[in-house]
Structures are given as C-alpha cells and as structure tokens.
C-alpha cells in the first residue's frame, strides 16, 4: 500500500451540511483520513487503490467545494470527472496512429 496526502483548496467556508458530507466521504474505499486546515482540505488516500483525480471526483460528488492546488497529471479521471486514458499513445510512430 502507498499512502499519499493531497491538499485541496476550499472555494468557500464549510457549513454544518458540508461536515456531514465529509463523514460520508470517509466511507469511500481507499480514503483513509480527512482533515480541514483553514481553507484547505487534506485527504490521505491509498494510491494503490485510487488515483488523485478519483479522490477529487469523490470529494466533488460529495458536494464539498474543493479545487486542486495544481493540475492533476494525465492518466485517469480529468477535472470534470470523465475518464480519459492518456497512457495509450495518441501520436507518434505507433502503427495504430499511422494514417491509412
């Protein structure tokens, strides 16, 4: 297991309903802990089970107003929550990319 800690910026202060949603978010498989530090949300997660973009997607689905501090690298869910597989080459010398 590989545990990572990621930090998201809260776009507005949390209210009591948001804290209740954080309780529900802690049941997501792979998320180990949640902490609010001022205007940041810290999420510890198991990177062997989740990609950082999946963590952000779960946070947003829970209704928590969070934004990443840096763009999330390709290879999973993008900022909209849509899955995109960037691991497959889309240009270059691969025969798959050759124009017939």
PDB file of N, CA and C in Angstrom:
ATOM      1  N   UNK A   1       0.837  -1.177   0.000  1.00  0.00           N
ATOM      2  CA  UNK A   1       0.000   0.000   0.000  1.00  0.00           C
ATOM      3  C   UNK A   1       0.883   1.242   0.000  1.00  0.00           C
ATOM      4  N   UNK A   2       0.424   2.240  -0.720  1.00  0.00           N
ATOM      5  CA  UNK A   2       1.127   3.509  -0.800  1.00  0.00           C
ATOM      6  C   UNK A   2       0.178   4.606  -0.362  1.00  0.00           C
ATOM      7  N   UNK A   3       0.468   5.214   0.776  1.00  0.00           N
ATOM      8  CA  UNK A   3      -0.409   6.250   1.303  1.00  0.00           C
ATOM      9  C   UNK A   3       0.124   7.618   0.916  1.00  0.00           C
ATOM     10  N   UNK A   4      -0.753   8.436   0.364  1.00  0.00           N
ATOM     11  CA  UNK A   4      -0.391   9.787  -0.030  1.00  0.00           C
ATOM     12  C   UNK A   4      -1.326  10.783   0.641  1.00  0.00           C
ATOM     13  N   UNK A   5      -0.829  11.983   0.816  1.00  0.00           N
ATOM     14  CA  UNK A   5      -1.624  13.063   1.383  1.00  0.00           C
ATOM     15  C   UNK A   5      -1.739  14.147   0.325  1.00  0.00           C
ATOM     16  N   UNK A   6      -2.946  14.511  -0.011  1.00  0.00           N
ATOM     17  CA  UNK A   6      -3.150  15.560  -1.002  1.00  0.00           C
ATOM     18  C   UNK A   6      -3.936  16.688  -0.364  1.00  0.00           C
ATOM     19  N   UNK A   7      -3.743  17.877  -0.879  1.00  0.00           N
ATOM     20  CA  UNK A   7      -4.362  19.078  -0.317  1.00  0.00           C
ATOM     21  C   UNK A   7      -5.190  19.759  -1.403  1.00  0.00           C
ATOM     22  N   UNK A   8      -6.432  20.096  -1.052  1.00  0.00           N
ATOM     23  CA  UNK A   8      -7.323  20.818  -1.951  1.00  0.00           C
ATOM     24  C   UNK A   8      -7.708  22.145  -1.306  1.00  0.00           C
ATOM     25  N   UNK A   9      -7.875  23.158  -2.138  1.00  0.00           N
ATOM     26  CA  UNK A   9      -8.296  24.472  -1.663  1.00  0.00           C
ATOM     27  C   UNK A   9      -9.816  24.490  -1.606  1.00  0.00           C
ATOM     28  N   UNK A  10     -10.366  24.912  -0.475  1.00  0.00           N
ATOM     29  CA  UNK A  10     -11.818  25.043  -0.357  1.00  0.00           C
ATOM     30  C   UNK A  10     -12.234  26.372  -0.986  1.00  0.00           C
ATOM     31  N   UNK A  11     -13.213  26.333  -1.855  1.00  0.00           N
ATOM     32  CA  UNK A  11     -13.625  27.539  -2.572  1.00  0.00           C
ATOM     33  C   UNK A  11     -14.579  28.403  -1.752  1.00  0.00           C
ATOM     34  N   UNK A  12     -15.079  27.854  -0.660  1.00  0.00           N
ATOM     35  CA  UNK A  12     -15.898  28.626   0.282  1.00  0.00           C
ATOM     36  C   UNK A  12     -15.791  27.949   1.641  1.00  0.00           C
ATOM     37  N   UNK A  13     -16.114  28.681   2.713  1.00  0.00           N
ATOM     38  CA  UNK A  13     -16.077  28.051   4.043  1.00  0.00           C
ATOM     39  C   UNK A  13     -17.118  26.928   4.137  1.00  0.00           C
ATOM     40  N   UNK A  14     -16.782  25.885   4.894  1.00  0.00           N
ATOM     41  CA  UNK A  14     -17.686  24.751   5.058  1.00  0.00           C
ATOM     42  C   UNK A  14     -18.762  25.074   6.092  1.00  0.00           C
ATOM     43  N   UNK A  15     -19.970  24.586   5.845  1.00  0.00           N
ATOM     44  CA  UNK A  15     -21.044  24.716   6.827  1.00  0.00           C
ATOM     45  C   UNK A  15     -21.309  23.348   7.444  1.00  0.00           C
ATOM     46  N   UNK A  16     -22.320  23.261   8.294  1.00  0.00           N
ATOM     47  CA  UNK A  16     -22.588  22.002   9.001  1.00  0.00           C
ATOM     48  C   UNK A  16     -22.969  20.871   8.038  1.00  0.00           C
ATOM     49  N   UNK A  17     -23.694  21.187   6.968  1.00  0.00           N
ATOM     50  CA  UNK A  17     -24.054  20.154   5.986  1.00  0.00           C
ATOM     51  C   UNK A  17     -22.808  19.605   5.299  1.00  0.00           C
ATOM     52  N   UNK A  18     -21.838  20.481   5.021  1.00  0.00           N
ATOM     53  CA  UNK A  18     -20.592  20.034   4.400  1.00  0.00           C
ATOM     54  C   UNK A  18     -19.831  19.086   5.317  1.00  0.00           C
ATOM     55  N   UNK A  19     -19.835  19.376   6.612  1.00  0.00           N
ATOM     56  CA  UNK A  19     -19.153  18.482   7.552  1.00  0.00           C
ATOM     57  C   UNK A  19     -19.832  17.121   7.608  1.00  0.00           C
ATOM     58  N   UNK A  20     -21.146  17.099   7.497  1.00  0.00           N
ATOM     59  CA  UNK A  20     -21.864  15.814   7.441  1.00  0.00           C
ATOM     60  C   UNK A  20     -21.484  15.054   6.170  1.00  0.00           C
ATOM     61  N   UNK A  21     -21.335  15.772   5.062  1.00  0.00           N
ATOM     62  CA  UNK A  21     -20.920  15.131   3.807  1.00  0.00           C
ATOM     63  C   UNK A  21     -19.500  14.574   3.912  1.00  0.00           C
ATOM     64  N   UNK A  22     -18.637  15.273   4.658  1.00  0.00           N
ATOM     65  CA  UNK A  22     -17.283  14.757   4.869  1.00  0.00           C
ATOM     66  C   UNK A  22     -17.327  13.416   5.594  1.00  0.00           C
ATOM     67  N   UNK A  23     -18.278  13.265   6.508  1.00  0.00           N
ATOM     68  CA  UNK A  23     -18.441  11.989   7.190  1.00  0.00           C
ATOM     69  C   UNK A  23     -18.786  10.880   6.220  1.00  0.00           C
ATOM     70  N   UNK A  24     -19.635  11.170   5.245  1.00  0.00           N
ATOM     71  CA  UNK A  24     -19.980  10.182   4.226  1.00  0.00           C
ATOM     72  C   UNK A  24     -18.787   9.900   3.315  1.00  0.00           C
ATOM     73  N   UNK A  25     -17.974  10.910   3.063  1.00  0.00           N
ATOM     74  CA  UNK A  25     -16.819  10.757   2.182  1.00  0.00           C
ATOM     75  C   UNK A  25     -15.776   9.825   2.801  1.00  0.00           C
ATOM     76  N   UNK A  26     -15.738   9.776   4.118  1.00  0.00           N
ATOM     77  CA  UNK A  26     -14.746   8.922   4.776  1.00  0.00           C
ATOM     78  C   UNK A  26     -15.034   7.434   4.577  1.00  0.00           C
ATOM     79  N   UNK A  27     -16.207   7.091   4.033  1.00  0.00           N
ATOM     80  CA  UNK A  27     -16.524   5.682   3.769  1.00  0.00           C
ATOM     81  C   UNK A  27     -16.109   5.237   2.371  1.00  0.00           C
ATOM     82  N   UNK A  28     -15.567   6.133   1.570  1.00  0.00           N
ATOM     83  CA  UNK A  28     -15.117   5.779   0.215  1.00  0.00           C
ATOM     84  C   UNK A  28     -13.886   4.876   0.318  1.00  0.00           C
ATOM     85  N   UNK A  29     -13.934   3.755  -0.388  1.00  0.00           N
ATOM     86  CA  UNK A  29     -12.849   2.774  -0.353  1.00  0.00           C
ATOM     87  C   UNK A  29     -11.554   3.407  -0.837  1.00  0.00           C
ATOM     88  N   UNK A  30     -10.522   3.388  -0.004  1.00  0.00           N
ATOM     89  CA  UNK A  30      -9.221   3.938  -0.365  1.00  0.00           C
ATOM     90  C   UNK A  30      -8.918   5.254   0.325  1.00  0.00           C
ATOM     91  N   UNK A  31      -9.936   5.967   0.790  1.00  0.00           N
ATOM     92  CA  UNK A  31      -9.699   7.217   1.517  1.00  0.00           C
ATOM     93  C   UNK A  31      -9.502   6.868   2.990  1.00  0.00           C
ATOM     94  N   UNK A  32      -8.360   7.265   3.535  1.00  0.00           N
ATOM     95  CA  UNK A  32      -8.023   6.894   4.914  1.00  0.00           C
ATOM     96  C   UNK A  32      -8.416   7.952   5.920  1.00  0.00           C
ATOM     97  N   UNK A  33      -8.164   9.218   5.614  1.00  0.00           N
ATOM     98  CA  UNK A  33      -8.492  10.252   6.587  1.00  0.00           C
ATOM     99  C   UNK A  33      -8.758  11.572   5.893  1.00  0.00           C
ATOM    100  N   UNK A  34      -9.500  12.426   6.583  1.00  0.00           N
ATOM    101  CA  UNK A  34      -9.853  13.757   6.099  1.00  0.00           C
ATOM    102  C   UNK A  34      -9.555  14.752   7.209  1.00  0.00           C
ATOM    103  N   UNK A  35      -9.079  15.929   6.834  1.00  0.00           N
ATOM    104  CA  UNK A  35      -8.800  16.962   7.825  1.00  0.00           C
ATOM    105  C   UNK A  35      -9.015  18.316   7.167  1.00  0.00           C
ATOM    106  N   UNK A  36      -9.622  19.238   7.885  1.00  0.00           N
ATOM    107  CA  UNK A  36      -9.800  20.602   7.399  1.00  0.00           C
ATOM    108  C   UNK A  36      -8.778  21.470   8.111  1.00  0.00           C
ATOM    109  N   UNK A  37      -7.946  22.150   7.317  1.00  0.00           N
ATOM    110  CA  UNK A  37      -6.899  23.009   7.853  1.00  0.00           C
ATOM    111  C   UNK A  37      -7.093  24.406   7.275  1.00  0.00           C
ATOM    112  N   UNK A  38      -7.822  25.252   7.981  1.00  0.00           N
ATOM    113  CA  UNK A  38      -8.105  26.594   7.485  1.00  0.00           C
ATOM    114  C   UNK A  38      -8.979  26.526   6.250  1.00  0.00           C
ATOM    115  N   UNK A  39      -8.457  27.006   5.130  1.00  0.00           N
ATOM    116  CA  UNK A  39      -9.218  26.964   3.879  1.00  0.00           C
ATOM    117  C   UNK A  39      -8.733  25.841   2.958  1.00  0.00           C
ATOM    118  N   UNK A  40      -8.173  24.777   3.563  1.00  0.00           N
ATOM    119  CA  UNK A  40      -7.706  23.621   2.806  1.00  0.00           C
ATOM    120  C   UNK A  40      -8.312  22.337   3.366  1.00  0.00           C
ATOM    121  N   UNK A  41      -8.531  21.388   2.469  1.00  0.00           N
ATOM    122  CA  UNK A  41      -8.975  20.051   2.841  1.00  0.00           C
ATOM    123  C   UNK A  41      -7.823  19.099   2.566  1.00  0.00           C
ATOM    124  N   UNK A  42      -7.404  18.362   3.580  1.00  0.00           N
ATOM    125  CA  UNK A  42      -6.332  17.376   3.426  1.00  0.00           C
ATOM    126  C   UNK A  42      -6.954  15.995   3.401  1.00  0.00           C
ATOM    127  N   UNK A  43      -6.585  15.226   2.390  1.00  0.00           N
ATOM    128  CA  UNK A  43      -7.123  13.880   2.224  1.00  0.00           C
ATOM    129  C   UNK A  43      -5.954  12.907   2.135  1.00  0.00           C
ATOM    130  N   UNK A  44      -5.938  11.937   3.041  1.00  0.00           N
ATOM    131  CA  UNK A  44      -4.959  10.860   2.960  1.00  0.00           C
ATOM    132  C   UNK A  44      -5.650   9.687   2.289  1.00  0.00           C
ATOM    133  N   UNK A  45      -5.000   9.131   1.250  1.00  0.00           N
ATOM    134  CA  UNK A  45      -5.619   8.041   0.499  1.00  0.00           C
ATOM    135  C   UNK A  45      -4.578   7.012   0.108  1.00  0.00           C
ATOM    136  N   UNK A  46      -5.067   5.841  -0.259  1.00  0.00           N
ATOM    137  CA  UNK A  46      -4.222   4.730  -0.683  1.00  0.00           C
ATOM    138  C   UNK A  46      -4.040   4.823  -2.197  1.00  0.00           C
ATOM    139  N   UNK A  47      -2.850   5.193  -2.626  1.00  0.00           N
ATOM    140  CA  UNK A  47      -2.590   5.400  -4.050  1.00  0.00           C
ATOM    141  C   UNK A  47      -2.569   4.095  -4.838  1.00  0.00           C
ATOM    142  N   UNK A  48      -2.490   2.955  -4.163  1.00  0.00           N
ATOM    143  CA  UNK A  48      -2.563   1.690  -4.887  1.00  0.00           C
ATOM    144  C   UNK A  48      -4.023   1.350  -5.214  1.00  0.00           C
ATOM    145  N   UNK A  49      -4.958   2.072  -4.648  1.00  0.00           N
ATOM    146  CA  UNK A  49      -6.379   1.842  -4.891  1.00  0.00           C
ATOM    147  C   UNK A  49      -7.057   2.973  -5.655  1.00  0.00           C
ATOM    148  N   UNK A  50      -6.570   4.203  -5.482  1.00  0.00           N
ATOM    149  CA  UNK A  50      -7.191   5.381  -6.098  1.00  0.00           C
ATOM    150  C   UNK A  50      -6.147   6.261  -6.754  1.00  0.00           C
ATOM    151  N   UNK A  51      -6.533   6.916  -7.823  1.00  0.00           N
ATOM    152  CA  UNK A  51      -5.736   7.962  -8.453  1.00  0.00           C
ATOM    153  C   UNK A  51      -6.182   9.283  -7.813  1.00  0.00           C
ATOM    154  N   UNK A  52      -5.309  10.266  -7.792  1.00  0.00           N
ATOM    155  CA  UNK A  52      -5.663  11.541  -7.164  1.00  0.00           C
ATOM    156  C   UNK A  52      -6.908  12.163  -7.790  1.00  0.00           C
ATOM    157  N   UNK A  53      -7.074  11.986  -9.086  1.00  0.00           N
ATOM    158  CA  UNK A  53      -8.252  12.540  -9.749  1.00  0.00           C
ATOM    159  C   UNK A  53      -9.529  11.845  -9.281  1.00  0.00           C
ATOM    160  N   UNK A  54      -9.446  10.562  -8.935  1.00  0.00           N
ATOM    161  CA  UNK A  54     -10.610   9.857  -8.405  1.00  0.00           C
ATOM    162  C   UNK A  54     -10.961  10.376  -7.017  1.00  0.00           C
ATOM    163  N   UNK A  55      -9.951  10.743  -6.244  1.00  0.00           N
ATOM    164  CA  UNK A  55     -10.196  11.330  -4.923  1.00  0.00           C
ATOM    165  C   UNK A  55     -10.922  12.658  -5.091  1.00  0.00           C
ATOM    166  N   UNK A  56     -10.424  13.503  -5.993  1.00  0.00           N
ATOM    167  CA  UNK A  56     -11.080  14.796  -6.230  1.00  0.00           C
ATOM    168  C   UNK A  56     -12.498  14.601  -6.734  1.00  0.00           C
ATOM    169  N   UNK A  57     -12.708  13.623  -7.592  1.00  0.00           N
ATOM    170  CA  UNK A  57     -14.049  13.339  -8.097  1.00  0.00           C
ATOM    171  C   UNK A  57     -14.982  12.934  -6.954  1.00  0.00           C
ATOM    172  N   UNK A  58     -14.502  12.100  -6.036  1.00  0.00           N
ATOM    173  CA  UNK A  58     -15.312  11.683  -4.891  1.00  0.00           C
ATOM    174  C   UNK A  58     -15.628  12.866  -3.985  1.00  0.00           C
ATOM    175  N   UNK A  59     -14.649  13.746  -3.790  1.00  0.00           N
ATOM    176  CA  UNK A  59     -14.859  14.943  -2.965  1.00  0.00           C
ATOM    177  C   UNK A  59     -15.933  15.826  -3.594  1.00  0.00           C
ATOM    178  N   UNK A  60     -15.856  16.019  -4.900  1.00  0.00           N
ATOM    179  CA  UNK A  60     -16.848  16.863  -5.576  1.00  0.00           C
ATOM    180  C   UNK A  60     -18.226  16.205  -5.606  1.00  0.00           C
ATOM    181  N   UNK A  61     -18.281  14.886  -5.794  1.00  0.00           N
ATOM    182  CA  UNK A  61     -19.571  14.191  -5.782  1.00  0.00           C
ATOM    183  C   UNK A  61     -20.233  14.283  -4.413  1.00  0.00           C
ATOM    184  N   UNK A  62     -19.420  14.372  -3.365  1.00  0.00           N
ATOM    185  CA  UNK A  62     -19.960  14.512  -2.018  1.00  0.00           C
ATOM    186  C   UNK A  62     -20.497  15.914  -1.773  1.00  0.00           C
ATOM    187  N   UNK A  63     -20.212  16.834  -2.688  1.00  0.00           N
ATOM    188  CA  UNK A  63     -20.717  18.194  -2.555  1.00  0.00           C
ATOM    189  C   UNK A  63     -19.783  19.139  -1.824  1.00  0.00           C
ATOM    190  N   UNK A  64     -18.541  18.742  -1.667  1.00  0.00           N
ATOM    191  CA  UNK A  64     -17.556  19.578  -0.989  1.00  0.00           C
ATOM    192  C   UNK A  64     -16.955  20.537  -2.026  1.00  0.00           C
ATOM    193  N   UNK A  65     -16.961  21.850  -1.750  1.00  0.00           N
ATOM    194  CA  UNK A  65     -16.444  22.820  -2.724  1.00  0.00           C
ATOM    195  C   UNK A  65     -14.916  22.872  -2.701  1.00  0.00           C
ATOM    196  N   UNK A  66     -14.265  21.960  -3.426  1.00  0.00           N
ATOM    197  CA  UNK A  66     -12.808  21.857  -3.408  1.00  0.00           C
ATOM    198  C   UNK A  66     -12.242  22.007  -4.810  1.00  0.00           C
ATOM    199  N   UNK A  67     -11.024  22.542  -4.857  1.00  0.00           N
ATOM    200  CA  UNK A  67     -10.299  22.693  -6.122  1.00  0.00           C
ATOM    201  C   UNK A  67      -8.854  22.262  -5.892  1.00  0.00           C
ATOM    202  N   UNK A  68      -8.231  21.597  -6.883  1.00  0.00           N
ATOM    203  CA  UNK A  68      -6.833  21.178  -6.707  1.00  0.00           C
ATOM    204  C   UNK A  68      -5.897  22.383  -6.699  1.00  0.00           C
ATOM    205  N   UNK A  69      -4.807  22.263  -5.956  1.00  0.00           N
ATOM    206  CA  UNK A  69      -3.814  23.344  -5.927  1.00  0.00           C
ATOM    207  C   UNK A  69      -3.016  23.387  -7.217  1.00  0.00           C
ATOM    208  N   UNK A  70      -2.804  22.203  -7.837  1.00  0.00           N
ATOM    209  CA  UNK A  70      -2.082  22.089  -9.101  1.00  0.00           C
ATOM    210  C   UNK A  70      -2.903  21.209 -10.031  1.00  0.00           C
ATOM    211  N   UNK A  71      -2.732  21.362 -11.336  1.00  0.00           N
ATOM    212  CA  UNK A  71      -3.450  20.468 -12.257  1.00  0.00           C
ATOM    213  C   UNK A  71      -3.073  19.012 -11.987  1.00  0.00           C
ATOM    214  N   UNK A  72      -4.046  18.132 -12.114  1.00  0.00           N
ATOM    215  CA  UNK A  72      -3.808  16.708 -11.889  1.00  0.00           C
ATOM    216  C   UNK A  72      -3.207  16.115 -13.158  1.00  0.00           C
ATOM    217  N   UNK A  73      -2.119  15.349 -13.038  1.00  0.00           N
ATOM    218  CA  UNK A  73      -1.472  14.801 -14.229  1.00  0.00           C
ATOM    219  C   UNK A  73      -2.369  13.824 -14.966  1.00  0.00           C
ATOM    220  N   UNK A  74      -2.141  13.658 -16.278  1.00  0.00           N
ATOM    221  CA  UNK A  74      -2.959  12.756 -17.078  1.00  0.00           C
ATOM    222  C   UNK A  74      -2.852  11.305 -16.615  1.00  0.00           C
ATOM    223  N   UNK A  75      -3.857  10.530 -16.987  1.00  0.00           N
ATOM    224  CA  UNK A  75      -3.836   9.109 -16.704  1.00  0.00           C
ATOM    225  C   UNK A  75      -4.922   8.692 -15.757  1.00  0.00           C
ATOM    226  N   UNK A  76      -6.105   9.164 -15.954  1.00  0.00           N
ATOM    227  CA  UNK A  76      -7.211   8.793 -15.083  1.00  0.00           C
ATOM    228  C   UNK A  76      -8.384   9.708 -15.336  1.00  0.00           C
ATOM    229  N   UNK A  77      -9.069  10.044 -14.273  1.00  0.00           N
ATOM    230  CA  UNK A  77     -10.206  10.940 -14.391  1.00  0.00           C
ATOM    231  C   UNK A  77      -9.692  12.366 -14.495  1.00  0.00           C
ATOM    232  N   UNK A  78     -10.277  13.156 -15.391  1.00  0.00           N
ATOM    233  CA  UNK A  78      -9.853  14.540 -15.509  1.00  0.00           C
ATOM    234  C   UNK A  78     -10.664  15.405 -14.546  1.00  0.00           C
ATOM    235  N   UNK A  79     -10.461  16.716 -14.635  1.00  0.00           N
ATOM    236  CA  UNK A  79     -11.099  17.624 -13.687  1.00  0.00           C
ATOM    237  C   UNK A  79     -12.624  17.633 -13.787  1.00  0.00           C
ATOM    238  N   UNK A  80     -13.184  17.116 -14.858  1.00  0.00           N
ATOM    239  CA  UNK A  80     -14.643  17.065 -14.984  1.00  0.00           C
ATOM    240  C   UNK A  80     -15.208  15.770 -14.420  1.00  0.00           C
ATOM    241  N   UNK A  81     -14.338  14.825 -14.073  1.00  0.00           N
ATOM    242  CA  UNK A  81     -14.785  13.536 -13.571  1.00  0.00           C
ATOM    243  C   UNK A  81     -14.933  12.494 -14.659  1.00  0.00           C
ATOM    244  N   UNK A  82     -14.611  12.870 -15.906  1.00  0.00           N
ATOM    245  CA  UNK A  82     -14.705  11.934 -17.027  1.00  0.00           C
ATOM    246  C   UNK A  82     -13.396  11.166 -17.156  1.00  0.00           C
ATOM    247  N   UNK A  83     -13.485   9.851 -17.388  1.00  0.00           N
ATOM    248  CA  UNK A  83     -12.282   9.034 -17.502  1.00  0.00           C
ATOM    249  C   UNK A  83     -11.654   9.215 -18.882  1.00  0.00           C
ATOM    250  N   UNK A  84     -10.358   9.464 -18.892  1.00  0.00           N
ATOM    251  CA  UNK A  84      -9.602   9.561 -20.135  1.00  0.00           C
ATOM    252  C   UNK A  84      -8.304   8.786 -19.944  1.00  0.00           C
ATOM    253  N   UNK A  85      -8.033   7.844 -20.821  1.00  0.00           N
ATOM    254  CA  UNK A  85      -6.823   7.034 -20.713  1.00  0.00           C
ATOM    255  C   UNK A  85      -5.721   7.678 -21.536  1.00  0.00           C
ATOM    256  N   UNK A  86      -4.870   8.447 -20.882  1.00  0.00           N
ATOM    257  CA  UNK A  86      -3.779   9.127 -21.560  1.00  0.00           C
ATOM    258  C   UNK A  86      -2.551   8.240 -21.690  1.00  0.00           C
ATOM    259  N   UNK A  87      -2.612   7.021 -21.109  1.00  0.00           N
ATOM    260  CA  UNK A  87      -1.460   6.137 -21.180  1.00  0.00           C
ATOM    261  C   UNK A  87      -1.279   5.579 -22.594  1.00  0.00           C
ATOM    262  N   UNK A  88      -2.343   5.484 -23.369  1.00  0.00           N
ATOM    263  CA  UNK A  88      -2.255   4.991 -24.735  1.00  0.00           C
ATOM    264  C   UNK A  88      -1.753   6.108 -25.636  1.00  0.00           C
ATOM    265  N   UNK A  89      -0.756   5.842 -26.493  1.00  0.00           N
ATOM    266  CA  UNK A  89      -0.223   6.920 -27.330  1.00  0.00           C
ATOM    267  C   UNK A  89      -1.250   7.405 -28.353  1.00  0.00           C
ATOM    268  N   UNK A  90      -1.370   8.706 -28.463  1.00  0.00           N
ATOM    269  CA  UNK A  90      -2.308   9.275 -29.418  1.00  0.00           C
ATOM    270  C   UNK A  90      -1.586   9.917 -30.607  1.00  0.00           C
ATOM    271  N   UNK A  91      -0.272   9.935 -30.559  1.00  0.00           N
ATOM    272  CA  UNK A  91       0.508  10.433 -31.699  1.00  0.00           C
ATOM    273  C   UNK A  91       1.870   9.769 -31.657  1.00  0.00           C
ATOM    274  N   UNK A  92       2.608   9.863 -32.720  1.00  0.00           N
ATOM    275  CA  UNK A  92       3.929   9.279 -32.743  1.00  0.00           C
ATOM    276  C   UNK A  92       4.062   8.166 -33.761  1.00  0.00           C
ATOM    277  N   UNK A  93       4.986   7.261 -33.536  1.00  0.00           N
ATOM    278  CA  UNK A  93       5.352   6.251 -34.506  1.00  0.00           C
ATOM    279  C   UNK A  93       4.559   4.952 -34.368  1.00  0.00           C
ATOM    280  N   UNK A  94       3.615   4.892 -33.485  1.00  0.00           N
ATOM    281  CA  UNK A  94       2.840   3.673 -33.308  1.00  0.00           C
ATOM    282  C   UNK A  94       2.045   3.370 -34.581  1.00  0.00           C
ATOM    283  N   UNK A  95       1.989   2.093 -35.020  1.00  0.00           N
ATOM    284  CA  UNK A  95       1.213   1.747 -36.215  1.00  0.00           C
ATOM    285  C   UNK A  95      -0.270   2.081 -36.078  1.00  0.00           C
ATOM    286  N   UNK A  96      -0.751   2.121 -34.862  1.00  0.00           N
ATOM    287  CA  UNK A  96      -2.151   2.465 -34.630  1.00  0.00           C
ATOM    288  C   UNK A  96      -2.435   3.893 -35.061  1.00  0.00           C
ATOM    289  N   UNK A  97      -1.431   4.755 -34.933  1.00  0.00           N
ATOM    290  CA  UNK A  97      -1.614   6.164 -35.248  1.00  0.00           C
ATOM    291  C   UNK A  97      -1.306   6.501 -36.693  1.00  0.00           C
ATOM    292  N   UNK A  98      -0.824   5.529 -37.462  1.00  0.00           N
ATOM    293  CA  UNK A  98      -0.499   5.775 -38.864  1.00  0.00           C
ATOM    294  C   UNK A  98      -1.764   6.022 -39.660  1.00  0.00           C
ATOM    295  N   UNK A  99      -1.720   7.018 -40.506  1.00  0.00           N
ATOM    296  CA  UNK A  99      -2.877   7.317 -41.350  1.00  0.00           C
ATOM    297  C   UNK A  99      -2.829   6.428 -42.577  1.00  0.00           C
ATOM    298  N   UNK A 100      -3.944   5.736 -42.792  1.00  0.00           N
ATOM    299  CA  UNK A 100      -4.016   4.734 -43.837  1.00  0.00           C
ATOM    300  C   UNK A 100      -4.093   5.321 -45.165  1.00  0.00           C
TER     301      UNK A 100
END
